[in-house]
């Protein structure tokens, strides 16, 4: 798999991760349905945030590593 395909996949993972984080925050703060569900609603919104973090944080570190390697090859 080429670097451009890996970078595209990682950018998609970052986008999905950030979207899940925002969805979890929205559900926790503004959704009446989640509030009426009680503890199950809190668990749903917390899982959205947790999976969003899992998807977004490691990919940022990997993309940074790829960019640093690219910079060192150019110099």
PDB file of N, CA and C in Angstrom:
ATOM      1  N   UNK A   1       0.853  -1.181   0.000  1.00  0.00           N
ATOM      2  CA  UNK A   1       0.000   0.000   0.000  1.00  0.00           C
ATOM      3  C   UNK A   1       0.891   1.235   0.000  1.00  0.00           C
ATOM      4  N   UNK A   2       0.590   2.166  -0.841  1.00  0.00           N
ATOM      5  CA  UNK A   2       1.425   3.366  -0.950  1.00  0.00           C
ATOM      6  C   UNK A   2       1.120   4.346   0.187  1.00  0.00           C
ATOM      7  N   UNK A   3       2.044   5.290   0.353  1.00  0.00           N
ATOM      8  CA  UNK A   3       1.885   6.287   1.416  1.00  0.00           C
ATOM      9  C   UNK A   3       0.652   7.155   1.207  1.00  0.00           C
ATOM     10  N   UNK A   4       0.319   7.439  -0.036  1.00  0.00           N
ATOM     11  CA  UNK A   4      -0.845   8.303  -0.275  1.00  0.00           C
ATOM     12  C   UNK A   4      -2.138   7.602   0.142  1.00  0.00           C
ATOM     13  N   UNK A   5      -2.233   6.296  -0.081  1.00  0.00           N
ATOM     14  CA  UNK A   5      -3.434   5.561   0.354  1.00  0.00           C
ATOM     15  C   UNK A   5      -3.504   5.481   1.870  1.00  0.00           C
ATOM     16  N   UNK A   6      -2.353   5.255   2.511  1.00  0.00           N
ATOM     17  CA  UNK A   6      -2.331   5.201   3.976  1.00  0.00           C
ATOM     18  C   UNK A   6      -2.725   6.547   4.557  1.00  0.00           C
ATOM     19  N   UNK A   7      -2.193   7.619   3.993  1.00  0.00           N
ATOM     20  CA  UNK A   7      -2.523   8.957   4.486  1.00  0.00           C
ATOM     21  C   UNK A   7      -4.005   9.255   4.281  1.00  0.00           C
ATOM     22  N   UNK A   8      -4.569   8.838   3.153  1.00  0.00           N
ATOM     23  CA  UNK A   8      -6.000   9.041   2.915  1.00  0.00           C
ATOM     24  C   UNK A   8      -6.841   8.279   3.948  1.00  0.00           C
ATOM     25  N   UNK A   9      -6.470   7.036   4.221  1.00  0.00           N
ATOM     26  CA  UNK A   9      -7.195   6.239   5.222  1.00  0.00           C
ATOM     27  C   UNK A   9      -7.085   6.877   6.598  1.00  0.00           C
ATOM     28  N   UNK A  10      -5.895   7.367   6.948  1.00  0.00           N
ATOM     29  CA  UNK A  10      -5.717   8.001   8.249  1.00  0.00           C
ATOM     30  C   UNK A  10      -6.497   9.306   8.354  1.00  0.00           C
ATOM     31  N   UNK A  11      -6.562  10.062   7.267  1.00  0.00           N
ATOM     32  CA  UNK A  11      -7.365  11.291   7.291  1.00  0.00           C
ATOM     33  C   UNK A  11      -8.844  10.975   7.462  1.00  0.00           C
ATOM     34  N   UNK A  12      -9.305   9.894   6.850  1.00  0.00           N
ATOM     35  CA  UNK A  12     -10.698   9.469   7.034  1.00  0.00           C
ATOM     36  C   UNK A  12     -10.929   9.068   8.482  1.00  0.00           C
ATOM     37  N   UNK A  13      -9.970   8.345   9.076  1.00  0.00           N
ATOM     38  CA  UNK A  13     -10.098   7.946  10.482  1.00  0.00           C
ATOM     39  C   UNK A  13     -10.159   9.156  11.398  1.00  0.00           C
ATOM     40  N   UNK A  14      -9.341  10.166  11.120  1.00  0.00           N
ATOM     41  CA  UNK A  14      -9.369  11.386  11.914  1.00  0.00           C
ATOM     42  C   UNK A  14     -10.734  12.065  11.792  1.00  0.00           C
ATOM     43  N   UNK A  15     -11.263  12.141  10.572  1.00  0.00           N
ATOM     44  CA  UNK A  15     -12.565  12.787  10.364  1.00  0.00           C
ATOM     45  C   UNK A  15     -13.681  12.045  11.085  1.00  0.00           C
ATOM     46  N   UNK A  16     -13.680  10.723  10.978  1.00  0.00           N
ATOM     47  CA  UNK A  16     -14.700   9.930  11.667  1.00  0.00           C
ATOM     48  C   UNK A  16     -14.540  10.074  13.179  1.00  0.00           C
ATOM     49  N   UNK A  17     -13.303  10.079  13.659  1.00  0.00           N
ATOM     50  CA  UNK A  17     -13.063  10.229  15.094  1.00  0.00           C
ATOM     51  C   UNK A  17     -13.556  11.556  15.633  1.00  0.00           C
ATOM     52  N   UNK A  18     -13.244  12.626  14.930  1.00  0.00           N
ATOM     53  CA  UNK A  18     -13.698  13.946  15.379  1.00  0.00           C
ATOM     54  C   UNK A  18     -15.228  14.032  15.305  1.00  0.00           C
ATOM     55  N   UNK A  19     -15.814  13.431  14.285  1.00  0.00           N
ATOM     56  CA  UNK A  19     -17.279  13.422  14.179  1.00  0.00           C
ATOM     57  C   UNK A  19     -17.912  12.666  15.342  1.00  0.00           C
ATOM     58  N   UNK A  20     -17.319  11.539  15.726  1.00  0.00           N
ATOM     59  CA  UNK A  20     -17.851  10.785  16.868  1.00  0.00           C
ATOM     60  C   UNK A  20     -17.712  11.567  18.170  1.00  0.00           C
ATOM     61  N   UNK A  21     -16.605  12.267  18.326  1.00  0.00           N
ATOM     62  CA  UNK A  21     -16.434  13.095  19.526  1.00  0.00           C
ATOM     63  C   UNK A  21     -17.505  14.171  19.576  1.00  0.00           C
ATOM     64  N   UNK A  22     -17.716  14.849  18.453  1.00  0.00           N
ATOM     65  CA  UNK A  22     -18.738  15.903  18.416  1.00  0.00           C
ATOM     66  C   UNK A  22     -20.141  15.334  18.632  1.00  0.00           C
ATOM     67  N   UNK A  23     -20.406  14.140  18.078  1.00  0.00           N
ATOM     68  CA  UNK A  23     -21.699  13.496  18.297  1.00  0.00           C
ATOM     69  C   UNK A  23     -21.902  13.157  19.770  1.00  0.00           C
ATOM     70  N   UNK A  24     -20.866  12.647  20.411  1.00  0.00           N
ATOM     71  CA  UNK A  24     -20.966  12.335  21.844  1.00  0.00           C
ATOM     72  C   UNK A  24     -21.217  13.568  22.687  1.00  0.00           C
ATOM     73  N   UNK A  25     -20.544  14.667  22.359  1.00  0.00           N
ATOM     74  CA  UNK A  25     -20.751  15.917  23.097  1.00  0.00           C
ATOM     75  C   UNK A  25     -22.167  16.434  22.868  1.00  0.00           C
ATOM     76  N   UNK A  26     -22.616  16.363  21.614  1.00  0.00           N
ATOM     77  CA  UNK A  26     -23.988  16.805  21.316  1.00  0.00           C
ATOM     78  C   UNK A  26     -25.002  15.966  22.086  1.00  0.00           C
ATOM     79  N   UNK A  27     -24.834  14.658  22.045  1.00  0.00           N
ATOM     80  CA  UNK A  27     -25.780  13.772  22.736  1.00  0.00           C
ATOM     81  C   UNK A  27     -25.793  14.050  24.231  1.00  0.00           C
ATOM     82  N   UNK A  28     -24.613  14.261  24.797  1.00  0.00           N
ATOM     83  CA  UNK A  28     -24.534  14.460  26.243  1.00  0.00           C
ATOM     84  C   UNK A  28     -25.127  15.798  26.678  1.00  0.00           C
ATOM     85  N   UNK A  29     -24.928  16.835  25.876  1.00  0.00           N
ATOM     86  CA  UNK A  29     -25.355  18.175  26.301  1.00  0.00           C
ATOM     87  C   UNK A  29     -26.732  18.592  25.804  1.00  0.00           C
ATOM     88  N   UNK A  30     -27.138  18.154  24.621  1.00  0.00           N
ATOM     89  CA  UNK A  30     -28.321  18.746  24.010  1.00  0.00           C
ATOM     90  C   UNK A  30     -29.451  17.780  23.682  1.00  0.00           C
ATOM     91  N   UNK A  31     -29.233  16.476  23.762  1.00  0.00           N
ATOM     92  CA  UNK A  31     -30.248  15.514  23.342  1.00  0.00           C
ATOM     93  C   UNK A  31     -31.148  15.122  24.511  1.00  0.00           C
ATOM     94  N   UNK A  32     -32.435  15.370  24.346  1.00  0.00           N
ATOM     95  CA  UNK A  32     -33.382  14.984  25.395  1.00  0.00           C
ATOM     96  C   UNK A  32     -33.585  13.478  25.452  1.00  0.00           C
ATOM     97  N   UNK A  33     -33.442  12.809  24.337  1.00  0.00           N
ATOM     98  CA  UNK A  33     -33.604  11.354  24.304  1.00  0.00           C
ATOM     99  C   UNK A  33     -32.535  10.682  25.149  1.00  0.00           C
ATOM    100  N   UNK A  34     -31.304  11.124  25.008  1.00  0.00           N
ATOM    101  CA  UNK A  34     -30.198  10.558  25.791  1.00  0.00           C
ATOM    102  C   UNK A  34     -30.420  10.842  27.273  1.00  0.00           C
ATOM    103  N   UNK A  35     -30.939  12.015  27.585  1.00  0.00           N
ATOM    104  CA  UNK A  35     -31.205  12.369  28.981  1.00  0.00           C
ATOM    105  C   UNK A  35     -32.291  11.482  29.575  1.00  0.00           C
ATOM    106  N   UNK A  36     -33.319  11.177  28.793  1.00  0.00           N
ATOM    107  CA  UNK A  36     -34.404  10.325  29.294  1.00  0.00           C
ATOM    108  C   UNK A  36     -33.973   8.872  29.444  1.00  0.00           C
ATOM    109  N   UNK A  37     -32.926   8.457  28.731  1.00  0.00           N
ATOM    110  CA  UNK A  37     -32.446   7.077  28.830  1.00  0.00           C
ATOM    111  C   UNK A  37     -31.681   6.821  30.123  1.00  0.00           C
ATOM    112  N   UNK A  38     -31.288   7.876  30.807  1.00  0.00           N
ATOM    113  CA  UNK A  38     -30.591   7.723  32.076  1.00  0.00           C
ATOM    114  C   UNK A  38     -29.151   7.275  31.885  1.00  0.00           C
ATOM    115  N   UNK A  39     -28.748   6.270  32.670  1.00  0.00           N
ATOM    116  CA  UNK A  39     -27.368   5.806  32.643  1.00  0.00           C
ATOM    117  C   UNK A  39     -26.997   5.207  31.292  1.00  0.00           C
ATOM    118  N   UNK A  40     -27.946   4.565  30.621  1.00  0.00           N
ATOM    119  CA  UNK A  40     -27.660   4.016  29.297  1.00  0.00           C
ATOM    120  C   UNK A  40     -27.358   5.127  28.295  1.00  0.00           C
ATOM    121  N   UNK A  41     -28.035   6.231  28.400  1.00  0.00           N
ATOM    122  CA  UNK A  41     -27.767   7.369  27.528  1.00  0.00           C
ATOM    123  C   UNK A  41     -26.387   7.962  27.776  1.00  0.00           C
ATOM    124  N   UNK A  42     -26.005   8.031  29.053  1.00  0.00           N
ATOM    125  CA  UNK A  42     -24.673   8.525  29.386  1.00  0.00           C
ATOM    126  C   UNK A  42     -23.619   7.584  28.824  1.00  0.00           C
ATOM    127  N   UNK A  43     -23.863   6.287  28.908  1.00  0.00           N
ATOM    128  CA  UNK A  43     -22.914   5.317  28.373  1.00  0.00           C
ATOM    129  C   UNK A  43     -22.791   5.429  26.858  1.00  0.00           C
ATOM    130  N   UNK A  44     -23.899   5.668  26.170  1.00  0.00           N
ATOM    131  CA  UNK A  44     -23.866   5.820  24.714  1.00  0.00           C
ATOM    132  C   UNK A  44     -23.046   7.042  24.317  1.00  0.00           C
ATOM    133  N   UNK A  45     -23.290   8.176  24.974  1.00  0.00           N
ATOM    134  CA  UNK A  45     -22.541   9.379  24.622  1.00  0.00           C
ATOM    135  C   UNK A  45     -21.069   9.243  25.001  1.00  0.00           C
ATOM    136  N   UNK A  46     -20.773   8.580  26.107  1.00  0.00           N
ATOM    137  CA  UNK A  46     -19.382   8.374  26.501  1.00  0.00           C
ATOM    138  C   UNK A  46     -18.661   7.430  25.538  1.00  0.00           C
ATOM    139  N   UNK A  47     -19.373   6.418  25.029  1.00  0.00           N
ATOM    140  CA  UNK A  47     -18.748   5.506  24.069  1.00  0.00           C
ATOM    141  C   UNK A  47     -18.463   6.214  22.750  1.00  0.00           C
ATOM    142  N   UNK A  48     -19.332   7.123  22.350  1.00  0.00           N
ATOM    143  CA  UNK A  48     -19.066   7.897  21.129  1.00  0.00           C
ATOM    144  C   UNK A  48     -17.781   8.704  21.284  1.00  0.00           C
ATOM    145  N   UNK A  49     -17.620   9.351  22.422  1.00  0.00           N
ATOM    146  CA  UNK A  49     -16.415  10.143  22.661  1.00  0.00           C
ATOM    147  C   UNK A  49     -15.190   9.235  22.738  1.00  0.00           C
ATOM    148  N   UNK A  50     -15.312   8.099  23.427  1.00  0.00           N
ATOM    149  CA  UNK A  50     -14.171   7.193  23.579  1.00  0.00           C
ATOM    150  C   UNK A  50     -13.721   6.616  22.235  1.00  0.00           C
ATOM    151  N   UNK A  51     -14.655   6.147  21.418  1.00  0.00           N
ATOM    152  CA  UNK A  51     -14.278   5.608  20.110  1.00  0.00           C
ATOM    153  C   UNK A  51     -13.726   6.706  19.202  1.00  0.00           C
ATOM    154  N   UNK A  52     -14.256   7.912  19.347  1.00  0.00           N
ATOM    155  CA  UNK A  52     -13.722   9.030  18.580  1.00  0.00           C
ATOM    156  C   UNK A  52     -12.278   9.334  18.950  1.00  0.00           C
ATOM    157  N   UNK A  53     -11.969   9.264  20.240  1.00  0.00           N
ATOM    158  CA  UNK A  53     -10.589   9.469  20.684  1.00  0.00           C
ATOM    159  C   UNK A  53      -9.680   8.364  20.165  1.00  0.00           C
ATOM    160  N   UNK A  54     -10.168   7.128  20.219  1.00  0.00           N
ATOM    161  CA  UNK A  54      -9.366   5.999  19.735  1.00  0.00           C
ATOM    162  C   UNK A  54      -9.052   6.161  18.260  1.00  0.00           C
ATOM    163  N   UNK A  55     -10.004   6.639  17.491  1.00  0.00           N
ATOM    164  CA  UNK A  55      -9.772   6.805  16.051  1.00  0.00           C
ATOM    165  C   UNK A  55      -8.913   8.019  15.716  1.00  0.00           C
ATOM    166  N   UNK A  56      -9.012   9.075  16.487  1.00  0.00           N
ATOM    167  CA  UNK A  56      -8.355  10.312  16.060  1.00  0.00           C
ATOM    168  C   UNK A  56      -6.940  10.484  16.604  1.00  0.00           C
ATOM    169  N   UNK A  57      -6.658  10.070  17.819  1.00  0.00           N
ATOM    170  CA  UNK A  57      -5.354  10.393  18.394  1.00  0.00           C
ATOM    171  C   UNK A  57      -4.187   9.613  17.791  1.00  0.00           C
ATOM    172  N   UNK A  58      -4.223   8.298  17.688  1.00  0.00           N
ATOM    173  CA  UNK A  58      -3.054   7.597  17.126  1.00  0.00           C
ATOM    174  C   UNK A  58      -2.781   7.957  15.673  1.00  0.00           C
ATOM    175  N   UNK A  59      -3.810   8.260  14.923  1.00  0.00           N
ATOM    176  CA  UNK A  59      -3.592   8.600  13.520  1.00  0.00           C
ATOM    177  C   UNK A  59      -2.848   9.921  13.380  1.00  0.00           C
ATOM    178  N   UNK A  60      -3.096  10.858  14.280  1.00  0.00           N
ATOM    179  CA  UNK A  60      -2.367  12.128  14.240  1.00  0.00           C
ATOM    180  C   UNK A  60      -0.885  11.894  14.498  1.00  0.00           C
ATOM    181  N   UNK A  61      -0.571  11.030  15.450  1.00  0.00           N
ATOM    182  CA  UNK A  61       0.830  10.743  15.732  1.00  0.00           C
ATOM    183  C   UNK A  61       1.494  10.054  14.542  1.00  0.00           C
ATOM    184  N   UNK A  62       0.798   9.144  13.893  1.00  0.00           N
ATOM    185  CA  UNK A  62       1.361   8.440  12.744  1.00  0.00           C
ATOM    186  C   UNK A  62       1.576   9.388  11.565  1.00  0.00           C
ATOM    187  N   UNK A  63       0.610  10.260  11.324  1.00  0.00           N
ATOM    188  CA  UNK A  63       0.775  11.240  10.253  1.00  0.00           C
ATOM    189  C   UNK A  63       1.962  12.167  10.529  1.00  0.00           C
ATOM    190  N   UNK A  64       2.149  12.570  11.777  1.00  0.00           N
ATOM    191  CA  UNK A  64       3.289  13.400  12.138  1.00  0.00           C
ATOM    192  C   UNK A  64       4.595  12.647  11.883  1.00  0.00           C
ATOM    193  N   UNK A  65       4.625  11.361  12.233  1.00  0.00           N
ATOM    194  CA  UNK A  65       5.813  10.536  11.995  1.00  0.00           C
ATOM    195  C   UNK A  65       6.120  10.444  10.504  1.00  0.00           C
ATOM    196  N   UNK A  66       5.114  10.255   9.680  1.00  0.00           N
ATOM    197  CA  UNK A  66       5.318  10.189   8.227  1.00  0.00           C
ATOM    198  C   UNK A  66       5.858  11.520   7.702  1.00  0.00           C
ATOM    199  N   UNK A  67       5.302  12.630   8.176  1.00  0.00           N
ATOM    200  CA  UNK A  67       5.760  13.944   7.712  1.00  0.00           C
ATOM    201  C   UNK A  67       7.195  14.231   8.140  1.00  0.00           C
ATOM    202  N   UNK A  68       7.583  13.815   9.356  1.00  0.00           N
ATOM    203  CA  UNK A  68       8.957  14.010   9.814  1.00  0.00           C
ATOM    204  C   UNK A  68       9.913  13.184   8.961  1.00  0.00           C
ATOM    205  N   UNK A  69       9.538  11.945   8.661  1.00  0.00           N
ATOM    206  CA  UNK A  69      10.379  11.124   7.796  1.00  0.00           C
ATOM    207  C   UNK A  69      10.518  11.735   6.406  1.00  0.00           C
ATOM    208  N   UNK A  70       9.444  12.284   5.900  1.00  0.00           N
ATOM    209  CA  UNK A  70       9.464  12.927   4.584  1.00  0.00           C
ATOM    210  C   UNK A  70      10.398  14.147   4.592  1.00  0.00           C
ATOM    211  N   UNK A  71      10.356  14.914   5.673  1.00  0.00           N
ATOM    212  CA  UNK A  71      11.228  16.093   5.796  1.00  0.00           C
ATOM    213  C   UNK A  71      12.691  15.694   5.853  1.00  0.00           C
ATOM    214  N   UNK A  72      13.009  14.622   6.572  1.00  0.00           N
ATOM    215  CA  UNK A  72      14.399  14.211   6.670  1.00  0.00           C
ATOM    216  C   UNK A  72      14.922  13.659   5.343  1.00  0.00           C
ATOM    217  N   UNK A  73      14.063  13.064   4.551  1.00  0.00           N
ATOM    218  CA  UNK A  73      14.484  12.567   3.230  1.00  0.00           C
ATOM    219  C   UNK A  73      14.774  13.718   2.271  1.00  0.00           C
ATOM    220  N   UNK A  74      14.085  14.836   2.432  1.00  0.00           N
ATOM    221  CA  UNK A  74      14.283  15.976   1.541  1.00  0.00           C
ATOM    222  C   UNK A  74      15.589  16.715   1.841  1.00  0.00           C
ATOM    223  N   UNK A  75      16.062  16.655   3.080  1.00  0.00           N
ATOM    224  CA  UNK A  75      17.276  17.419   3.414  1.00  0.00           C
ATOM    225  C   UNK A  75      18.511  16.597   3.304  1.00  0.00           C
TER     226      UNK A  75
END
